């Protein structure tokens, strides 16, 4: 998504089972860096904004280590797929689908995300 409205007026929202949840202000997300947010059920989500202003949201919990650290991982692309690499064991997770690029049997939840 390309944003044309000033970022300070926008909120980042995630699609949850019971509707849209406002996670943070868009200006809280720095391009190329992740941020963690707490969901109403107590789980954490990792939010990302890339340098083209596309937004992504996946579970923050690294399924290999059990630690809530994916928001602190390094972002990049592999064969056109945006990913975050876990800061602990370096497995890469597709930011669109949640699929682990290094082990196809593992995935994290990926959320629909928007700025409004």
N, C-alpha and C. Protein backbone atom coordinates (compact mmCIF):
# COMPACT_ATOMS: atom_id res chain seq x y z
N UNK A 1 0.85 -1.16 0.00
CA UNK A 1 0.00 0.00 0.00
C UNK A 1 0.89 1.22 0.00
N UNK A 2 0.63 2.19 -0.82
CA UNK A 2 1.35 3.45 -0.85
C UNK A 2 0.48 4.50 -0.18
N UNK A 3 1.07 5.24 0.74
CA UNK A 3 0.31 6.19 1.54
C UNK A 3 0.46 7.59 0.97
N UNK A 4 -0.65 8.31 0.87
CA UNK A 4 -0.59 9.67 0.37
C UNK A 4 -1.02 10.67 1.43
N UNK A 5 -1.54 10.19 2.55
CA UNK A 5 -1.96 11.06 3.64
C UNK A 5 -0.80 11.16 4.62
N UNK A 6 -0.68 12.28 5.28
CA UNK A 6 0.41 12.47 6.23
C UNK A 6 0.35 11.38 7.30
N UNK A 7 1.50 10.74 7.57
CA UNK A 7 1.57 9.58 8.45
C UNK A 7 1.07 9.86 9.86
N UNK A 8 1.22 11.06 10.37
CA UNK A 8 0.83 11.34 11.75
C UNK A 8 -0.68 11.25 11.96
N UNK A 9 -1.47 11.26 10.90
CA UNK A 9 -2.91 11.18 11.04
C UNK A 9 -3.44 9.75 10.93
N UNK A 10 -2.57 8.80 10.61
CA UNK A 10 -3.03 7.44 10.35
C UNK A 10 -2.77 6.50 11.51
N UNK A 11 -3.66 5.52 11.64
CA UNK A 11 -3.54 4.47 12.64
C UNK A 11 -3.30 3.15 11.91
N UNK A 12 -2.50 2.27 12.50
CA UNK A 12 -2.27 0.94 11.96
C UNK A 12 -3.27 0.00 12.61
N UNK A 13 -4.02 -0.72 11.77
CA UNK A 13 -5.04 -1.64 12.26
C UNK A 13 -4.79 -3.04 11.72
N UNK A 14 -5.10 -4.04 12.55
CA UNK A 14 -4.98 -5.45 12.18
C UNK A 14 -6.36 -6.06 12.13
N UNK A 15 -6.57 -6.97 11.19
CA UNK A 15 -7.84 -7.70 11.11
C UNK A 15 -7.75 -8.89 12.06
N UNK A 16 -8.59 -8.88 13.10
CA UNK A 16 -8.71 -10.00 14.03
C UNK A 16 -10.05 -10.68 13.79
N UNK A 17 -10.30 -11.78 14.47
CA UNK A 17 -11.53 -12.54 14.26
C UNK A 17 -12.79 -11.70 14.50
N UNK A 18 -12.72 -10.76 15.43
CA UNK A 18 -13.91 -9.97 15.78
C UNK A 18 -13.88 -8.55 15.22
N UNK A 19 -13.02 -8.29 14.24
CA UNK A 19 -12.98 -6.97 13.61
C UNK A 19 -11.59 -6.36 13.60
N UNK A 20 -11.54 -5.08 13.25
CA UNK A 20 -10.26 -4.37 13.15
C UNK A 20 -9.82 -3.88 14.51
N UNK A 21 -8.53 -4.07 14.81
CA UNK A 21 -7.92 -3.66 16.08
C UNK A 21 -6.86 -2.61 15.78
N UNK A 22 -6.94 -1.47 16.46
CA UNK A 22 -5.94 -0.42 16.28
C UNK A 22 -4.72 -0.75 17.15
N UNK A 23 -3.58 -0.91 16.47
CA UNK A 23 -2.35 -1.32 17.16
C UNK A 23 -1.48 -0.14 17.57
N UNK A 24 -1.37 0.88 16.68
CA UNK A 24 -0.49 2.01 16.97
C UNK A 24 -0.70 3.10 15.92
N UNK A 25 -0.03 4.23 16.13
CA UNK A 25 0.03 5.27 15.11
C UNK A 25 1.04 4.84 14.05
N UNK A 26 0.77 5.16 12.80
CA UNK A 26 1.68 4.80 11.73
C UNK A 26 3.07 5.40 11.95
N UNK A 27 3.15 6.61 12.48
CA UNK A 27 4.47 7.23 12.66
C UNK A 27 5.31 6.54 13.73
N UNK A 28 4.72 5.59 14.47
CA UNK A 28 5.50 4.81 15.44
C UNK A 28 6.31 3.71 14.76
N UNK A 29 6.00 3.42 13.50
CA UNK A 29 6.71 2.39 12.75
C UNK A 29 7.75 3.03 11.84
N UNK A 30 9.00 2.75 12.09
CA UNK A 30 10.08 3.27 11.27
C UNK A 30 10.32 2.33 10.10
N UNK A 31 10.43 2.86 8.89
CA UNK A 31 10.67 1.99 7.74
C UNK A 31 11.91 1.12 7.94
N UNK A 32 11.74 -0.18 7.67
CA UNK A 32 12.85 -1.11 7.80
C UNK A 32 13.06 -1.67 9.19
N UNK A 33 12.26 -1.24 10.16
CA UNK A 33 12.39 -1.69 11.54
C UNK A 33 11.07 -2.28 12.01
N UNK A 34 11.10 -3.18 12.95
CA UNK A 34 9.89 -3.78 13.50
C UNK A 34 9.51 -3.15 14.83
N UNK A 35 8.28 -3.40 15.24
CA UNK A 35 7.78 -2.98 16.55
C UNK A 35 6.80 -4.03 17.03
N UNK A 36 6.75 -4.24 18.32
CA UNK A 36 5.82 -5.20 18.91
C UNK A 36 4.61 -4.47 19.47
N UNK A 37 3.45 -5.13 19.37
CA UNK A 37 2.21 -4.59 19.94
C UNK A 37 1.49 -5.73 20.64
N UNK A 38 0.77 -5.39 21.69
CA UNK A 38 0.01 -6.36 22.47
C UNK A 38 -1.41 -6.44 21.94
N UNK A 39 -1.88 -7.64 21.66
CA UNK A 39 -3.23 -7.86 21.19
C UNK A 39 -4.18 -8.00 22.38
N UNK A 40 -5.49 -7.82 22.18
CA UNK A 40 -6.43 -7.91 23.30
C UNK A 40 -6.39 -9.23 24.06
N UNK A 41 -6.03 -10.33 23.38
CA UNK A 41 -5.99 -11.64 24.05
C UNK A 41 -4.66 -11.92 24.74
N UNK A 42 -3.74 -10.94 24.76
CA UNK A 42 -2.47 -11.09 25.45
C UNK A 42 -1.32 -11.55 24.57
N UNK A 43 -1.60 -11.97 23.34
CA UNK A 43 -0.52 -12.34 22.42
C UNK A 43 0.15 -11.07 21.89
N UNK A 44 1.33 -11.26 21.33
CA UNK A 44 2.05 -10.14 20.73
C UNK A 44 2.10 -10.29 19.23
N UNK A 45 2.11 -9.17 18.54
CA UNK A 45 2.24 -9.13 17.10
C UNK A 45 3.46 -8.29 16.76
N UNK A 46 4.16 -8.69 15.69
CA UNK A 46 5.30 -7.92 15.19
C UNK A 46 4.82 -7.13 13.98
N UNK A 47 4.98 -5.82 14.02
CA UNK A 47 4.53 -4.92 12.96
C UNK A 47 5.74 -4.41 12.19
N UNK A 48 5.61 -4.32 10.88
CA UNK A 48 6.69 -3.84 10.03
C UNK A 48 6.15 -2.87 8.99
N UNK A 49 6.98 -1.89 8.68
CA UNK A 49 6.70 -0.93 7.60
C UNK A 49 7.94 -0.89 6.73
N UNK A 50 7.79 -1.19 5.45
CA UNK A 50 8.98 -1.18 4.61
C UNK A 50 9.21 0.21 4.02
N UNK A 51 10.26 0.36 3.27
CA UNK A 51 10.63 1.67 2.74
C UNK A 51 9.70 2.15 1.64
N UNK A 52 8.81 1.28 1.16
CA UNK A 52 7.77 1.66 0.20
C UNK A 52 6.43 1.88 0.89
N UNK A 53 6.44 1.95 2.21
CA UNK A 53 5.26 2.16 3.06
C UNK A 53 4.26 1.01 3.04
N UNK A 54 4.70 -0.19 2.66
CA UNK A 54 3.84 -1.37 2.80
C UNK A 54 3.92 -1.81 4.26
N UNK A 55 2.78 -2.29 4.77
CA UNK A 55 2.68 -2.71 6.17
C UNK A 55 2.51 -4.22 6.25
N UNK A 56 3.09 -4.81 7.29
CA UNK A 56 3.01 -6.24 7.53
C UNK A 56 2.82 -6.48 9.02
N UNK A 57 2.17 -7.60 9.34
CA UNK A 57 2.00 -7.99 10.74
C UNK A 57 2.00 -9.51 10.83
N UNK A 58 2.85 -10.04 11.71
CA UNK A 58 2.92 -11.47 11.98
C UNK A 58 3.03 -11.67 13.48
N UNK A 59 2.81 -12.91 13.94
CA UNK A 59 3.03 -13.20 15.35
C UNK A 59 4.45 -12.81 15.73
N UNK A 60 4.63 -12.31 16.94
CA UNK A 60 5.95 -11.91 17.40
C UNK A 60 6.74 -13.09 17.96
N UNK A 61 6.06 -14.19 18.28
CA UNK A 61 6.72 -15.34 18.91
C UNK A 61 7.46 -16.17 17.86
N UNK A 62 8.75 -16.36 18.08
CA UNK A 62 9.58 -17.21 17.24
C UNK A 62 9.25 -18.66 17.58
N UNK A 63 8.70 -19.44 16.65
CA UNK A 63 8.30 -20.81 16.97
C UNK A 63 9.48 -21.75 17.24
N UNK A 64 10.68 -21.37 16.85
CA UNK A 64 11.85 -22.22 17.08
C UNK A 64 12.40 -22.06 18.49
N UNK A 65 12.38 -20.84 19.02
CA UNK A 65 12.94 -20.59 20.35
C UNK A 65 11.86 -20.38 21.40
N UNK A 66 10.66 -19.98 20.97
CA UNK A 66 9.58 -19.67 21.91
C UNK A 66 9.63 -18.25 22.44
N UNK A 67 10.65 -17.50 22.05
CA UNK A 67 10.81 -16.12 22.54
C UNK A 67 10.03 -15.14 21.66
N UNK A 68 9.53 -14.09 22.27
CA UNK A 68 8.79 -13.04 21.54
C UNK A 68 9.79 -12.02 21.02
N UNK A 69 10.40 -12.33 19.87
CA UNK A 69 11.52 -11.52 19.36
C UNK A 69 11.45 -11.17 17.88
N UNK A 70 10.48 -11.66 17.13
CA UNK A 70 10.51 -11.43 15.68
C UNK A 70 10.47 -9.95 15.31
N UNK A 71 9.85 -9.12 16.16
CA UNK A 71 9.81 -7.68 15.88
C UNK A 71 11.20 -7.06 15.89
N UNK A 72 12.18 -7.74 16.47
CA UNK A 72 13.55 -7.24 16.54
C UNK A 72 14.46 -7.82 15.47
N UNK A 73 13.86 -8.61 14.56
CA UNK A 73 14.65 -9.25 13.51
C UNK A 73 15.00 -8.31 12.38
N UNK A 74 15.89 -8.78 11.53
CA UNK A 74 16.32 -8.01 10.36
C UNK A 74 15.38 -8.32 9.20
N UNK A 75 14.99 -7.27 8.47
CA UNK A 75 14.10 -7.46 7.33
C UNK A 75 14.90 -7.49 6.04
N UNK A 76 14.33 -8.14 5.04
CA UNK A 76 14.95 -8.21 3.73
C UNK A 76 13.98 -8.81 2.74
N UNK A 77 14.49 -9.18 1.57
CA UNK A 77 13.68 -9.88 0.58
C UNK A 77 14.48 -11.05 0.03
N UNK A 78 13.75 -12.10 -0.34
CA UNK A 78 14.34 -13.27 -0.96
C UNK A 78 13.44 -13.67 -2.11
N UNK A 79 13.95 -13.61 -3.34
CA UNK A 79 13.17 -13.93 -4.53
C UNK A 79 11.86 -13.14 -4.56
N UNK A 80 11.95 -11.86 -4.19
CA UNK A 80 10.80 -10.97 -4.21
C UNK A 80 9.88 -11.08 -3.02
N UNK A 81 10.18 -11.96 -2.07
CA UNK A 81 9.33 -12.15 -0.90
C UNK A 81 9.91 -11.39 0.30
N UNK A 82 9.14 -10.46 0.89
CA UNK A 82 9.64 -9.76 2.07
C UNK A 82 9.68 -10.71 3.26
N UNK A 83 10.73 -10.61 4.07
CA UNK A 83 10.85 -11.49 5.22
C UNK A 83 11.47 -10.77 6.40
N UNK A 84 11.33 -11.40 7.57
CA UNK A 84 12.08 -10.99 8.75
C UNK A 84 12.85 -12.23 9.21
N UNK A 85 14.11 -12.03 9.57
CA UNK A 85 14.95 -13.10 10.09
C UNK A 85 14.96 -13.01 11.61
N UNK A 86 14.67 -14.11 12.27
CA UNK A 86 14.68 -14.12 13.73
C UNK A 86 16.05 -13.68 14.24
N UNK A 87 16.09 -12.81 15.25
CA UNK A 87 17.38 -12.38 15.79
C UNK A 87 18.10 -13.49 16.56
N UNK A 88 17.40 -14.57 16.88
CA UNK A 88 18.04 -15.64 17.67
C UNK A 88 18.66 -16.72 16.79
N UNK A 89 17.84 -17.43 16.04
CA UNK A 89 18.33 -18.57 15.27
C UNK A 89 18.37 -18.31 13.77
N UNK A 90 17.97 -17.10 13.36
CA UNK A 90 18.09 -16.59 11.98
C UNK A 90 17.13 -17.21 10.97
N UNK A 91 16.13 -18.00 11.38
CA UNK A 91 15.15 -18.47 10.41
C UNK A 91 14.39 -17.28 9.86
N UNK A 92 14.05 -17.35 8.57
CA UNK A 92 13.37 -16.24 7.90
C UNK A 92 11.88 -16.55 7.75
N UNK A 93 11.04 -15.56 8.06
CA UNK A 93 9.59 -15.70 7.96
C UNK A 93 9.05 -14.71 6.95
N UNK A 94 8.28 -15.24 5.99
CA UNK A 94 7.63 -14.41 4.97
C UNK A 94 6.66 -13.46 5.67
N UNK A 95 6.79 -12.17 5.42
CA UNK A 95 5.93 -11.19 6.09
C UNK A 95 4.51 -11.15 5.54
N UNK A 96 4.27 -11.73 4.38
CA UNK A 96 2.92 -11.77 3.80
C UNK A 96 2.16 -13.01 4.27
N UNK A 97 2.81 -14.17 4.24
CA UNK A 97 2.14 -15.44 4.53
C UNK A 97 2.44 -16.01 5.90
N UNK A 98 3.56 -15.61 6.52
CA UNK A 98 3.98 -16.18 7.79
C UNK A 98 4.79 -17.46 7.64
N UNK A 99 4.95 -17.94 6.40
CA UNK A 99 5.68 -19.18 6.15
C UNK A 99 7.17 -19.01 6.46
N UNK A 100 7.75 -20.04 7.09
CA UNK A 100 9.19 -20.03 7.32
C UNK A 100 9.87 -20.40 6.02
N UNK A 101 10.76 -19.54 5.53
CA UNK A 101 11.45 -19.79 4.28
C UNK A 101 12.54 -20.85 4.41
N UNK A 102 12.89 -21.21 5.64
CA UNK A 102 13.95 -22.18 5.89
C UNK A 102 13.43 -23.54 6.32
N UNK A 103 12.14 -23.63 6.63
CA UNK A 103 11.51 -24.89 7.04
C UNK A 103 10.03 -24.80 6.70
N UNK A 104 9.63 -25.36 5.58
CA UNK A 104 8.26 -25.20 5.08
C UNK A 104 7.20 -25.82 5.98
N UNK A 105 7.60 -26.57 7.00
CA UNK A 105 6.61 -27.16 7.92
C UNK A 105 6.24 -26.20 9.05
N UNK A 106 6.92 -25.06 9.12
CA UNK A 106 6.71 -24.10 10.21
C UNK A 106 6.19 -22.79 9.65
N UNK A 107 5.26 -22.18 10.38
CA UNK A 107 4.75 -20.86 9.98
C UNK A 107 4.25 -20.14 11.23
N UNK A 108 4.14 -18.84 11.11
CA UNK A 108 3.52 -18.00 12.14
C UNK A 108 2.28 -17.37 11.51
N UNK A 109 1.38 -16.90 12.34
CA UNK A 109 0.18 -16.24 11.83
C UNK A 109 0.55 -14.91 11.19
N UNK A 110 0.01 -14.66 10.01
CA UNK A 110 0.16 -13.37 9.35
C UNK A 110 -1.21 -12.69 9.38
N UNK A 111 -1.22 -11.41 9.62
CA UNK A 111 -2.45 -10.64 9.76
C UNK A 111 -2.63 -9.68 8.59
N UNK A 112 -3.88 -9.47 8.22
CA UNK A 112 -4.18 -8.39 7.28
C UNK A 112 -4.00 -7.08 8.04
N UNK A 113 -3.36 -6.13 7.43
CA UNK A 113 -3.04 -4.88 8.11
C UNK A 113 -3.34 -3.71 7.18
N UNK A 114 -3.75 -2.60 7.77
CA UNK A 114 -4.07 -1.41 6.98
C UNK A 114 -3.75 -0.16 7.80
N UNK A 115 -3.64 0.96 7.11
CA UNK A 115 -3.47 2.26 7.76
C UNK A 115 -4.71 3.08 7.42
N UNK A 116 -5.37 3.60 8.43
CA UNK A 116 -6.59 4.39 8.23
C UNK A 116 -6.51 5.68 9.03
